[in-house]
C-alpha atoms as a PDB file:
ATOM      1  CA  UNK A   1       0.000   0.000   0.000  1.00  0.00           C
ATOM      2  CA  UNK A   2       1.488   3.344  -1.044  1.00  0.00           C
ATOM      3  CA  UNK A   3       1.669   5.935   1.710  1.00  0.00           C
ATOM      4  CA  UNK A   4      -0.123   9.216   0.975  1.00  0.00           C
ATOM      5  CA  UNK A   5       1.869  12.231   2.076  1.00  0.00           C
ATOM      6  CA  UNK A   6       0.543  15.746   2.402  1.00  0.00           C
ATOM      7  CA  UNK A   7       2.750  18.642   1.216  1.00  0.00           C
ATOM      8  CA  UNK A   8       4.594  20.462   3.991  1.00  0.00           C
ATOM      9  CA  UNK A   9       6.150  23.258   1.922  1.00  0.00           C
ATOM     10  CA  UNK A  10       4.816  25.693  -0.672  1.00  0.00           C
ATOM     11  CA  UNK A  11       7.097  24.192  -3.314  1.00  0.00           C
ATOM     12  CA  UNK A  12       5.715  20.685  -2.756  1.00  0.00           C
ATOM     13  CA  UNK A  13       2.182  22.082  -2.896  1.00  0.00           C
ATOM     14  CA  UNK A  14       2.899  23.765  -6.252  1.00  0.00           C
ATOM     15  CA  UNK A  15       4.307  20.501  -7.633  1.00  0.00           C
ATOM     16  CA  UNK A  16       1.172  18.582  -6.612  1.00  0.00           C
ATOM     17  CA  UNK A  17      -1.088  21.268  -8.098  1.00  0.00           C
ATOM     18  CA  UNK A  18       0.882  21.067 -11.344  1.00  0.00           C
ATOM     19  CA  UNK A  19       0.359  17.289 -11.478  1.00  0.00           C
ATOM     20  CA  UNK A  20      -3.334  17.468 -10.554  1.00  0.00           C
ATOM     21  CA  UNK A  21      -5.987  16.863 -13.265  1.00  0.00           C
ATOM     22  CA  UNK A  22      -6.831  19.932 -15.366  1.00  0.00           C
ATOM     23  CA  UNK A  23      -9.476  20.877 -17.916  1.00  0.00           C
ATOM     24  CA  UNK A  24      -6.657  21.544 -20.412  1.00  0.00           C
ATOM     25  CA  UNK A  25      -3.915  19.010 -19.757  1.00  0.00           C
ATOM     26  CA  UNK A  26      -0.190  19.614 -20.152  1.00  0.00           C
ATOM     27  CA  UNK A  27       1.876  17.890 -22.825  1.00  0.00           C
ATOM     28  CA  UNK A  28       2.360  14.156 -22.328  1.00  0.00           C
ATOM     29  CA  UNK A  29       5.820  13.121 -21.149  1.00  0.00           C
ATOM     30  CA  UNK A  30       7.377   9.790 -22.122  1.00  0.00           C
ATOM     31  CA  UNK A  31       9.093   7.336 -19.770  1.00  0.00           C
ATOM     32  CA  UNK A  32      11.775   5.152 -21.417  1.00  0.00           C
ATOM     33  CA  UNK A  33      12.797   1.964 -19.573  1.00  0.00           C
ATOM     34  CA  UNK A  34      15.138  -1.017 -20.066  1.00  0.00           C
ATOM     35  CA  UNK A  35      14.095  -4.587 -19.358  1.00  0.00           C
ATOM     36  CA  UNK A  36      16.096  -7.377 -17.737  1.00  0.00           C
ATOM     37  CA  UNK A  37      17.969  -7.986 -20.970  1.00  0.00           C
ATOM     38  CA  UNK A  38      18.292  -5.693 -23.986  1.00  0.00           C
ATOM     39  CA  UNK A  39      20.101  -6.133 -27.281  1.00  0.00           C
ATOM     40  CA  UNK A  40      22.243  -3.525 -29.033  1.00  0.00           C
ATOM     41  CA  UNK A  41      19.357  -2.791 -31.427  1.00  0.00           C
ATOM     42  CA  UNK A  42      16.875  -2.175 -28.592  1.00  0.00           C
ATOM     43  CA  UNK A  43      19.346   0.055 -26.724  1.00  0.00           C
ATOM     44  CA  UNK A  44      19.941   2.116 -29.880  1.00  0.00           C
ATOM     45  CA  UNK A  45      16.196   2.480 -30.504  1.00  0.00           C
ATOM     46  CA  UNK A  46      15.554   3.633 -26.924  1.00  0.00           C
ATOM     47  CA  UNK A  47      18.422   6.132 -27.098  1.00  0.00           C
ATOM     48  CA  UNK A  48      17.281   7.601 -30.412  1.00  0.00           C
ATOM     49  CA  UNK A  49      13.681   7.837 -29.223  1.00  0.00           C
ATOM     50  CA  UNK A  50      14.986   9.778 -26.243  1.00  0.00           C
ATOM     51  CA  UNK A  51      16.870  12.146 -28.581  1.00  0.00           C
ATOM     52  CA  UNK A  52      13.776  12.696 -30.707  1.00  0.00           C
ATOM     53  CA  UNK A  53      11.702  13.379 -27.582  1.00  0.00           C
ATOM     54  CA  UNK A  54      14.370  15.402 -25.791  1.00  0.00           C
ATOM     55  CA  UNK A  55      12.743  17.871 -23.412  1.00  0.00           C
ATOM     56  CA  UNK A  56       9.590  15.726 -23.177  1.00  0.00           C
ATOM     57  CA  UNK A  57      11.036  12.380 -22.083  1.00  0.00           C
ATOM     58  CA  UNK A  58      12.715  10.772 -19.076  1.00  0.00           C
ATOM     59  CA  UNK A  59      15.068   7.823 -19.594  1.00  0.00           C
ATOM     60  CA  UNK A  60      16.150   5.297 -16.952  1.00  0.00           C
ATOM     61  CA  UNK A  61      19.316   3.386 -17.840  1.00  0.00           C
ATOM     62  CA  UNK A  62      19.095   0.720 -15.113  1.00  0.00           C
ATOM     63  CA  UNK A  63      17.631  -2.699 -15.867  1.00  0.00           C
ATOM     64  CA  UNK A  64      14.227  -3.452 -14.369  1.00  0.00           C
ATOM     65  CA  UNK A  65      13.552  -7.094 -13.499  1.00  0.00           C
ATOM     66  CA  UNK A  66      10.128  -6.580 -11.901  1.00  0.00           C
ATOM     67  CA  UNK A  67       8.428  -4.934 -14.901  1.00  0.00           C
ATOM     68  CA  UNK A  68       6.293  -7.318 -16.987  1.00  0.00           C
ATOM     69  CA  UNK A  69       3.519  -5.164 -18.479  1.00  0.00           C
ATOM     70  CA  UNK A  70       1.337  -8.020 -19.833  1.00  0.00           C
ATOM     71  CA  UNK A  71       1.429 -10.105 -16.628  1.00  0.00           C
ATOM     72  CA  UNK A  72      -0.779  -9.496 -13.595  1.00  0.00           C
ATOM     73  CA  UNK A  73       1.233  -7.740 -10.898  1.00  0.00           C
ATOM     74  CA  UNK A  74       4.044  -6.958 -13.322  1.00  0.00           C
ATOM     75  CA  UNK A  75       2.895  -3.359 -13.866  1.00  0.00           C
ATOM     76  CA  UNK A  76       3.256  -2.255 -10.212  1.00  0.00           C
ATOM     77  CA  UNK A  77       6.780  -0.851 -10.663  1.00  0.00           C
ATOM     78  CA  UNK A  78       5.725   0.717 -13.955  1.00  0.00           C
ATOM     79  CA  UNK A  79       2.837   2.571 -12.290  1.00  0.00           C
ATOM     80  CA  UNK A  80       5.158   3.698  -9.490  1.00  0.00           C
ATOM     81  CA  UNK A  81       7.641   5.187 -11.983  1.00  0.00           C
ATOM     82  CA  UNK A  82       4.755   6.870 -13.830  1.00  0.00           C
ATOM     83  CA  UNK A  83       3.538   8.492 -10.601  1.00  0.00           C
ATOM     84  CA  UNK A  84       7.073   9.518  -9.639  1.00  0.00           C
ATOM     85  CA  UNK A  85       7.939  11.140 -12.974  1.00  0.00           C
ATOM     86  CA  UNK A  86       4.408  12.275 -13.974  1.00  0.00           C
ATOM     87  CA  UNK A  87       4.661  10.469 -17.344  1.00  0.00           C
ATOM     88  CA  UNK A  88       1.567   9.277 -19.180  1.00  0.00           C
ATOM     89  CA  UNK A  89       3.313   7.320 -21.987  1.00  0.00           C
ATOM     90  CA  UNK A  90       6.027   4.678 -21.615  1.00  0.00           C
ATOM     91  CA  UNK A  91       8.358   2.729 -23.905  1.00  0.00           C
ATOM     92  CA  UNK A  92       9.754  -0.520 -22.478  1.00  0.00           C
ATOM     93  CA  UNK A  93      12.529  -2.346 -24.334  1.00  0.00           C
ATOM     94  CA  UNK A  94      13.540  -5.976 -23.826  1.00  0.00           C
ATOM     95  CA  UNK A  95      15.143  -8.911 -25.656  1.00  0.00           C
ATOM     96  CA  UNK A  96      14.621 -12.653 -25.347  1.00  0.00           C
ATOM     97  CA  UNK A  97      14.837 -15.788 -27.461  1.00  0.00           C
ATOM     98  CA  UNK A  98      11.038 -15.963 -27.753  1.00  0.00           C
ATOM     99  CA  UNK A  99      10.590 -12.229 -28.495  1.00  0.00           C
ATOM    100  CA  UNK A 100      13.822 -10.714 -29.889  1.00  0.00           C
ATOM    101  CA  UNK A 101      14.237  -6.923 -30.168  1.00  0.00           C
ATOM    102  CA  UNK A 102      10.969  -6.257 -28.356  1.00  0.00           C
ATOM    103  CA  UNK A 103       9.275  -2.915 -27.591  1.00  0.00           C
ATOM    104  CA  UNK A 104       6.183  -2.409 -25.438  1.00  0.00           C
ATOM    105  CA  UNK A 105       4.361   0.889 -25.982  1.00  0.00           C
ATOM    106  CA  UNK A 106       1.669   1.887 -23.534  1.00  0.00           C
ATOM    107  CA  UNK A 107      -0.418   4.735 -22.160  1.00  0.00           C
ATOM    108  CA  UNK A 108      -1.373   5.530 -18.577  1.00  0.00           C
ATOM    109  CA  UNK A 109      -4.603   6.896 -17.144  1.00  0.00           C
ATOM    110  CA  UNK A 110      -4.502   8.253 -13.591  1.00  0.00           C
ATOM    111  CA  UNK A 111      -1.043   6.592 -13.340  1.00  0.00           C
ATOM    112  CA  UNK A 112      -2.508   3.140 -14.090  1.00  0.00           C
ATOM    113  CA  UNK A 113      -1.953   1.142 -17.281  1.00  0.00           C
ATOM    114  CA  UNK A 114      -4.586   2.114 -19.843  1.00  0.00           C
ATOM    115  CA  UNK A 115      -3.591   0.071 -22.915  1.00  0.00           C
ATOM    116  CA  UNK A 116      -0.582  -1.845 -24.253  1.00  0.00           C
ATOM    117  CA  UNK A 117       0.807  -2.848 -27.635  1.00  0.00           C
ATOM    118  CA  UNK A 118       3.925  -4.942 -28.224  1.00  0.00           C
ATOM    119  CA  UNK A 119       5.991  -4.671 -31.414  1.00  0.00           C
ATOM    120  CA  UNK A 120       9.152  -6.261 -32.717  1.00  0.00           C
ATOM    121  CA  UNK A 121      11.925  -4.220 -34.371  1.00  0.00           C
ATOM    122  CA  UNK A 122      13.224  -5.212 -37.795  1.00  0.00           C
ATOM    123  CA  UNK A 123      15.495  -3.520 -40.391  1.00  0.00           C
ATOM    124  CA  UNK A 124      16.561  -0.792 -37.979  1.00  0.00           C
ATOM    125  CA  UNK A 125      18.689   2.088 -39.343  1.00  0.00           C
ATOM    126  CA  UNK A 126      20.093   4.642 -36.919  1.00  0.00           C
ATOM    127  CA  UNK A 127      20.560   8.389 -37.362  1.00  0.00           C
ATOM    128  CA  UNK A 128      24.253   7.948 -38.106  1.00  0.00           C
ATOM    129  CA  UNK A 129      23.595   5.775 -41.160  1.00  0.00           C
ATOM    130  CA  UNK A 130      21.928   8.655 -43.065  1.00  0.00           C
ATOM    131  CA  UNK A 131      23.905  11.335 -44.897  1.00  0.00           C
ATOM    132  CA  UNK A 132      22.234  14.714 -45.506  1.00  0.00           C
ATOM    133  CA  UNK A 133      22.849  18.435 -45.261  1.00  0.00           C
ATOM    134  CA  UNK A 134      23.047  19.281 -41.544  1.00  0.00           C
ATOM    135  CA  UNK A 135      21.451  22.673 -42.188  1.00  0.00           C
ATOM    136  CA  UNK A 136      18.042  21.027 -42.674  1.00  0.00           C
ATOM    137  CA  UNK A 137      18.295  18.917 -39.499  1.00  0.00           C
ATOM    138  CA  UNK A 138      15.124  19.283 -37.372  1.00  0.00           C
ATOM    139  CA  UNK A 139      15.367  21.526 -34.333  1.00  0.00           C
ATOM    140  CA  UNK A 140      14.933  20.205 -30.836  1.00  0.00           C
ATOM    141  CA  UNK A 141      11.366  20.487 -29.543  1.00  0.00           C
ATOM    142  CA  UNK A 142       9.804  21.396 -32.906  1.00  0.00           C
ATOM    143  CA  UNK A 143       6.283  20.252 -33.779  1.00  0.00           C
ATOM    144  CA  UNK A 144       6.139  17.241 -36.137  1.00  0.00           C
ATOM    145  CA  UNK A 145       3.936  16.361 -39.071  1.00  0.00           C
ATOM    146  CA  UNK A 146       2.595  12.791 -38.640  1.00  0.00           C
ATOM    147  CA  UNK A 147       1.375  10.904 -41.702  1.00  0.00           C
ATOM    148  CA  UNK A 148      -0.331   7.489 -41.667  1.00  0.00           C
ATOM    149  CA  UNK A 149      -0.724   5.814 -45.062  1.00  0.00           C
ATOM    150  CA  UNK A 150      -2.580   2.572 -45.679  1.00  0.00           C
ATOM    151  CA  UNK A 151      -6.133   1.282 -45.267  1.00  0.00           C
ATOM    152  CA  UNK A 152      -5.063  -0.909 -42.359  1.00  0.00           C
ATOM    153  CA  UNK A 153      -5.005   2.076 -39.991  1.00  0.00           C
ATOM    154  CA  UNK A 154      -8.793   2.403 -40.510  1.00  0.00           C
ATOM    155  CA  UNK A 155      -9.810  -1.282 -40.702  1.00  0.00           C
ATOM    156  CA  UNK A 156      -7.462  -3.372 -38.514  1.00  0.00           C
ATOM    157  CA  UNK A 157      -7.981  -2.971 -34.741  1.00  0.00           C
ATOM    158  CA  UNK A 158      -4.288  -3.505 -33.835  1.00  0.00           C
ATOM    159  CA  UNK A 159      -3.148  -0.897 -36.375  1.00  0.00           C
ATOM    160  CA  UNK A 160      -5.784   1.578 -35.162  1.00  0.00           C
ATOM    161  CA  UNK A 161      -4.455   1.185 -31.624  1.00  0.00           C
ATOM    162  CA  UNK A 162      -0.851   1.565 -32.824  1.00  0.00           C
ATOM    163  CA  UNK A 163      -1.849   4.750 -34.669  1.00  0.00           C
ATOM    164  CA  UNK A 164      -3.313   6.260 -31.483  1.00  0.00           C
ATOM    165  CA  UNK A 165      -0.248   5.349 -29.406  1.00  0.00           C
ATOM    166  CA  UNK A 166       2.254   6.680 -31.987  1.00  0.00           C
ATOM    167  CA  UNK A 167       0.266   9.919 -32.298  1.00  0.00           C
ATOM    168  CA  UNK A 168       0.378  10.472 -28.534  1.00  0.00           C
ATOM    169  CA  UNK A 169       4.063   9.528 -28.487  1.00  0.00           C
ATOM    170  CA  UNK A 170       5.274  11.954 -31.174  1.00  0.00           C
ATOM    171  CA  UNK A 171       2.845  14.905 -31.316  1.00  0.00           C
ATOM    172  CA  UNK A 172       4.185  16.776 -28.243  1.00  0.00           C
ATOM    173  CA  UNK A 173       2.390  19.843 -26.901  1.00  0.00           C
ATOM    174  CA  UNK A 174      -1.106  20.481 -28.266  1.00  0.00           C
ATOM    175  CA  UNK A 175      -1.345  23.992 -29.779  1.00  0.00           C
ATOM    176  CA  UNK A 176      -4.100  25.949 -31.564  1.00  0.00           C
ATOM    177  CA  UNK A 177      -1.936  27.847 -34.081  1.00  0.00           C
ATOM    178  CA  UNK A 178       1.246  26.749 -35.808  1.00  0.00           C
ATOM    179  CA  UNK A 179       3.799  28.652 -37.885  1.00  0.00           C
ATOM    180  CA  UNK A 180       4.546  26.834 -41.127  1.00  0.00           C
ATOM    181  CA  UNK A 181       8.256  27.699 -40.970  1.00  0.00           C
ATOM    182  CA  UNK A 182       8.517  25.934 -37.601  1.00  0.00           C
ATOM    183  CA  UNK A 183       7.279  22.647 -39.105  1.00  0.00           C
ATOM    184  CA  UNK A 184      10.621  21.014 -39.915  1.00  0.00           C
ATOM    185  CA  UNK A 185      10.115  17.275 -39.297  1.00  0.00           C
ATOM    186  CA  UNK A 186       7.722  14.502 -40.312  1.00  0.00           C
ATOM    187  CA  UNK A 187       7.040  10.955 -39.112  1.00  0.00           C
ATOM    188  CA  UNK A 188       5.827   8.714 -41.942  1.00  0.00           C
ATOM    189  CA  UNK A 189       4.038   5.505 -40.938  1.00  0.00           C
ATOM    190  CA  UNK A 190       3.129   3.077 -43.742  1.00  0.00           C
ATOM    191  CA  UNK A 191       0.978  -0.033 -43.194  1.00  0.00           C
ATOM    192  CA  UNK A 192       2.861  -2.671 -45.207  1.00  0.00           C
ATOM    193  CA  UNK A 193       0.589  -5.513 -43.996  1.00  0.00           C
ATOM    194  CA  UNK A 194      -2.044  -6.024 -41.236  1.00  0.00           C
ATOM    195  CA  UNK A 195       0.766  -6.796 -38.772  1.00  0.00           C
ATOM    196  CA  UNK A 196       3.663  -4.691 -40.094  1.00  0.00           C
ATOM    197  CA  UNK A 197       4.301  -0.928 -40.170  1.00  0.00           C
ATOM    198  CA  UNK A 198       7.246   0.929 -41.684  1.00  0.00           C
ATOM    199  CA  UNK A 199       8.227   3.977 -39.581  1.00  0.00           C
ATOM    200  CA  UNK A 200      10.708   6.620 -40.713  1.00  0.00           C
ATOM    201  CA  UNK A 201      11.730  10.121 -39.635  1.00  0.00           C
ATOM    202  CA  UNK A 202      12.183  12.837 -42.289  1.00  0.00           C
ATOM    203  CA  UNK A 203      13.210  16.482 -42.389  1.00  0.00           C
ATOM    204  CA  UNK A 204      10.922  18.935 -44.190  1.00  0.00           C
ATOM    205  CA  UNK A 205      12.524  21.173 -46.796  1.00  0.00           C
ATOM    206  CA  UNK A 206      10.511  24.192 -47.991  1.00  0.00           C
ATOM    207  CA  UNK A 207      11.163  25.398 -51.547  1.00  0.00           C
ATOM    208  CA  UNK A 208       9.736  28.154 -53.732  1.00  0.00           C
ATOM    209  CA  UNK A 209       6.690  27.154 -55.778  1.00  0.00           C
ATOM    210  CA  UNK A 210       5.681  30.469 -57.379  1.00  0.00           C
ATOM    211  CA  UNK A 211       2.648  30.731 -55.067  1.00  0.00           C
ATOM    212  CA  UNK A 212       2.046  31.623 -51.421  1.00  0.00           C
ATOM    213  CA  UNK A 213       2.176  27.954 -50.382  1.00  0.00           C
ATOM    214  CA  UNK A 214       5.760  26.601 -50.639  1.00  0.00           C
ATOM    215  CA  UNK A 215       6.660  23.267 -52.186  1.00  0.00           C
ATOM    216  CA  UNK A 216       7.576  20.613 -49.613  1.00  0.00           C
ATOM    217  CA  UNK A 217      10.322  18.037 -50.004  1.00  0.00           C
ATOM    218  CA  UNK A 218      11.054  15.218 -47.530  1.00  0.00           C
ATOM    219  CA  UNK A 219      14.635  14.225 -46.754  1.00  0.00           C
ATOM    220  CA  UNK A 220      15.060  11.008 -44.755  1.00  0.00           C
ATOM    221  CA  UNK A 221      17.239  11.716 -41.709  1.00  0.00           C
ATOM    222  CA  UNK A 222      16.480   8.624 -39.611  1.00  0.00           C
ATOM    223  CA  UNK A 223      15.910   6.596 -37.636  1.00  0.00           C
ATOM    224  CA  UNK A 224      13.791   4.140 -39.623  1.00  0.00           C
ATOM    225  CA  UNK A 225      12.516   0.673 -38.720  1.00  0.00           C
ATOM    226  CA  UNK A 226       9.822  -1.926 -39.318  1.00  0.00           C
ATOM    227  CA  UNK A 227       7.396  -2.502 -36.427  1.00  0.00           C
ATOM    228  CA  UNK A 228       5.869  -6.005 -36.337  1.00  0.00           C
ATOM    229  CA  UNK A 229       2.804  -6.243 -34.076  1.00  0.00           C
ATOM    230  CA  UNK A 230       2.960  -9.129 -31.581  1.00  0.00           C
ATOM    231  CA  UNK A 231       0.579  -8.635 -28.631  1.00  0.00           C
ATOM    232  CA  UNK A 232      -1.859  -5.942 -27.584  1.00  0.00           C
ATOM    233  CA  UNK A 233      -4.268  -5.196 -24.755  1.00  0.00           C
ATOM    234  CA  UNK A 234      -7.191  -2.821 -25.145  1.00  0.00           C
ATOM    235  CA  UNK A 235      -8.783  -0.914 -22.249  1.00  0.00           C
ATOM    236  CA  UNK A 236     -12.156  -2.101 -20.955  1.00  0.00           C
ATOM    237  CA  UNK A 237     -15.219  -0.120 -21.991  1.00  0.00           C
ATOM    238  CA  UNK A 238     -15.803   1.507 -18.592  1.00  0.00           C
ATOM    239  CA  UNK A 239     -12.213   2.776 -18.331  1.00  0.00           C
ATOM    240  CA  UNK A 240     -12.321   4.000 -21.921  1.00  0.00           C
ATOM    241  CA  UNK A 241     -15.480   6.035 -21.301  1.00  0.00           C
ATOM    242  CA  UNK A 242     -14.010   7.557 -18.164  1.00  0.00           C
ATOM    243  CA  UNK A 243     -10.750   8.486 -19.907  1.00  0.00           C
ATOM    244  CA  UNK A 244     -12.543   9.996 -22.920  1.00  0.00           C
ATOM    245  CA  UNK A 245     -14.910  12.092 -20.804  1.00  0.00           C
ATOM    246  CA  UNK A 246     -14.757  15.824 -21.531  1.00  0.00           C
ATOM    247  CA  UNK A 247     -15.770  18.653 -19.254  1.00  0.00           C
ATOM    248  CA  UNK A 248     -18.583  20.925 -20.440  1.00  0.00           C
ATOM    249  CA  UNK A 249     -17.239  23.903 -18.529  1.00  0.00           C
ATOM    250  CA  UNK A 250     -14.493  25.664 -20.416  1.00  0.00           C
ATOM    251  CA  UNK A 251     -12.030  27.756 -18.411  1.00  0.00           C
ATOM    252  CA  UNK A 252     -12.822  31.440 -18.786  1.00  0.00           C
ATOM    253  CA  UNK A 253     -10.134  34.023 -18.544  1.00  0.00           C
ATOM    254  CA  UNK A 254     -10.999  36.524 -15.814  1.00  0.00           C
ATOM    255  CA  UNK A 255     -11.172  40.137 -16.999  1.00  0.00           C
ATOM    256  CA  UNK A 256     -10.416  42.780 -14.385  1.00  0.00           C
ATOM    257  CA  UNK A 257     -12.983  45.521 -13.594  1.00  0.00           C
ATOM    258  CA  UNK A 258     -15.679  43.973 -15.815  1.00  0.00           C
ATOM    259  CA  UNK A 259     -19.000  42.651 -14.469  1.00  0.00           C
ATOM    260  CA  UNK A 260     -21.968  41.011 -16.142  1.00  0.00           C
ATOM    261  CA  UNK A 261     -25.500  42.145 -15.319  1.00  0.00           C
ATOM    262  CA  UNK A 262     -28.689  40.340 -16.389  1.00  0.00           C
ATOM    263  CA  UNK A 263     -30.470  43.596 -17.282  1.00  0.00           C
ATOM    264  CA  UNK A 264     -27.731  46.060 -18.207  1.00  0.00           C
ATOM    265  CA  UNK A 265     -25.368  43.534 -19.766  1.00  0.00           C
ATOM    266  CA  UNK A 266     -21.616  44.060 -19.517  1.00  0.00           C
ATOM    267  CA  UNK A 267     -20.538  46.766 -17.072  1.00  0.00           C
ATOM    268  CA  UNK A 268     -17.070  48.206 -16.648  1.00  0.00           C
ATOM    269  CA  UNK A 269     -15.389  50.180 -13.896  1.00  0.00           C
ATOM    270  CA  UNK A 270     -12.971  52.963 -14.733  1.00  0.00           C
ATOM    271  CA  UNK A 271     -10.772  54.333 -11.983  1.00  0.00           C
ATOM    272  CA  UNK A 272      -9.706  58.002 -12.256  1.00  0.00           C
ATOM    273  CA  UNK A 273      -7.232  59.445  -9.734  1.00  0.00           C
ATOM    274  CA  UNK A 274      -8.244  62.489  -7.669  1.00  0.00           C
ATOM    275  CA  UNK A 275      -7.596  65.701  -9.606  1.00  0.00           C
ATOM    276  CA  UNK A 276      -5.926  68.538  -7.671  1.00  0.00           C
ATOM    277  CA  UNK A 277      -6.944  71.588  -9.689  1.00  0.00           C
ATOM    278  CA  UNK A 278      -4.814  74.001  -7.643  1.00  0.00           C
ATOM    279  CA  UNK A 279      -1.623  72.155  -8.511  1.00  0.00           C
ATOM    280  CA  UNK A 280      -2.337  71.747 -12.229  1.00  0.00           C
ATOM    281  CA  UNK A 281       0.075  73.962 -14.214  1.00  0.00           C
ATOM    282  CA  UNK A 282      -1.542  76.455 -16.566  1.00  0.00           C
ATOM    283  CA  UNK A 283      -0.691  76.240 -20.274  1.00  0.00           C
ATOM    284  CA  UNK A 284       1.985  78.577 -21.592  1.00  0.00           C
ATOM    285  CA  UNK A 285       0.222  81.298 -23.647  1.00  0.00           C
ATOM    286  CA  UNK A 286       3.104  83.779 -23.732  1.00  0.00           C
ATOM    287  CA  UNK A 287       3.109  83.880 -27.541  1.00  0.00           C
ATOM    288  CA  UNK A 288      -0.575  84.762 -27.663  1.00  0.00           C
ATOM    289  CA  UNK A 289      -0.130  87.460 -25.023  1.00  0.00           C
ATOM    290  CA  UNK A 290       2.733  89.031 -26.988  1.00  0.00           C
ATOM    291  CA  UNK A 291       0.605  89.023 -30.119  1.00  0.00           C
ATOM    292  CA  UNK A 292      -2.273  90.749 -28.326  1.00  0.00           C
ATOM    293  CA  UNK A 293       0.111  93.400 -26.942  1.00  0.00           C
ATOM    294  CA  UNK A 294       1.595  93.945 -30.368  1.00  0.00           C
ATOM    295  CA  UNK A 295      -1.812  94.343 -31.982  1.00  0.00           C
ATOM    296  CA  UNK A 296      -2.909  96.711 -29.209  1.00  0.00           C
ATOM    297  CA  UNK A 297       0.227  98.814 -29.649  1.00  0.00           C
ATOM    298  CA  UNK A 298      -0.359  99.097 -33.445  1.00  0.00           C
ATOM    299  CA  UNK A 299      -3.967 100.096 -32.850  1.00  0.00           C
ATOM    300  CA  UNK A 300      -2.908 102.742 -30.299  1.00  0.00           C
ATOM    301  CA  UNK A 301      -0.356 104.205 -32.735  1.00  0.00           C
ATOM    302  CA  UNK A 302      -3.002 104.441 -35.446  1.00  0.00           C
ATOM    303  CA  UNK A 303      -5.352 106.256 -33.106  1.00  0.00           C
ATOM    304  CA  UNK A 304      -2.603 108.697 -32.049  1.00  0.00           C
ATOM    305  CA  UNK A 305      -1.696 109.297 -35.709  1.00  0.00           C
ATOM    306  CA  UNK A 306      -5.276 110.079 -36.707  1.00  0.00           C
ATOM    307  CA  UNK A 307      -5.653 112.422 -33.688  1.00  0.00           C
ATOM    308  CA  UNK A 308      -2.495 114.381 -34.628  1.00  0.00           C
ATOM    309  CA  UNK A 309      -3.763 114.793 -38.230  1.00  0.00           C
ATOM    310  CA  UNK A 310      -7.042 116.229 -36.997  1.00  0.00           C
ATOM    311  CA  UNK A 311      -5.164 118.779 -34.826  1.00  0.00           C
ATOM    312  CA  UNK A 312      -3.053 119.938 -37.762  1.00  0.00           C
ATOM    313  CA  UNK A 313      -6.102 120.362 -39.961  1.00  0.00           C
ATOM    314  CA  UNK A 314      -7.877 122.441 -37.299  1.00  0.00           C
ATOM    315  CA  UNK A 315      -4.870 124.737 -37.009  1.00  0.00           C
END
């Protein structure tokens, strides 16, 4: 039984509030784990997945003997690591004679195993085996373009589940708007057969097309591999409904000094500081005063001139 501890500091309280359920969830982090025995291929795949997910993944390098996701009781350590690291997706690599070069991909709900799918790795090519211009290499943390080609992703249940898991694994943070120039990578998934998927990672190269929309070219930068589906476990219907439930109340951004009235509608408050009229400086009208004096002086001179003319005429 796991002991429940209450936060004793403000920092611990903030961490728990950050991990608490929200109407708009944070980006899903990935937990990468090694099994009891791993081959060189599995270790390379786990390392390159960590590089692709850098900034949104946590990797443990120690071997874990107690983790057996498909066996009852074998997911206890996995759920503990998920709660500790606040990861909702995991990748577990192992190697055995019965299942060589094995990967288990799974999702968590409320830090409990939601669904599982097991795939075998074939025809793996690492990043180092591809030669390309390093200037077009994808940037760390950039949003990817994910493409699924093949009718199997719509008809075969195992491929539909693999599509959902791969989408959650690679899509990163969910955003409303996206700048086209920031889209510099693509994951291409092709359904070769009902049990086999070809996965490759490409860089996106934008070229001039003579129109507003640029022409897109894909340059394979790796890694690439074939994923052969072996075992899978779907969530039960009750858990699926609970996980897919959406809240009707959308978070509203609070606007300061604005109220809503049933009769008058939207009302606003405007705060004006106290005006001290005695201390307000008067505007400088020295130019206007000089002009008035000058005009008055000219008028006075005219009057004096006309008066002197009248005196001379009378004499």
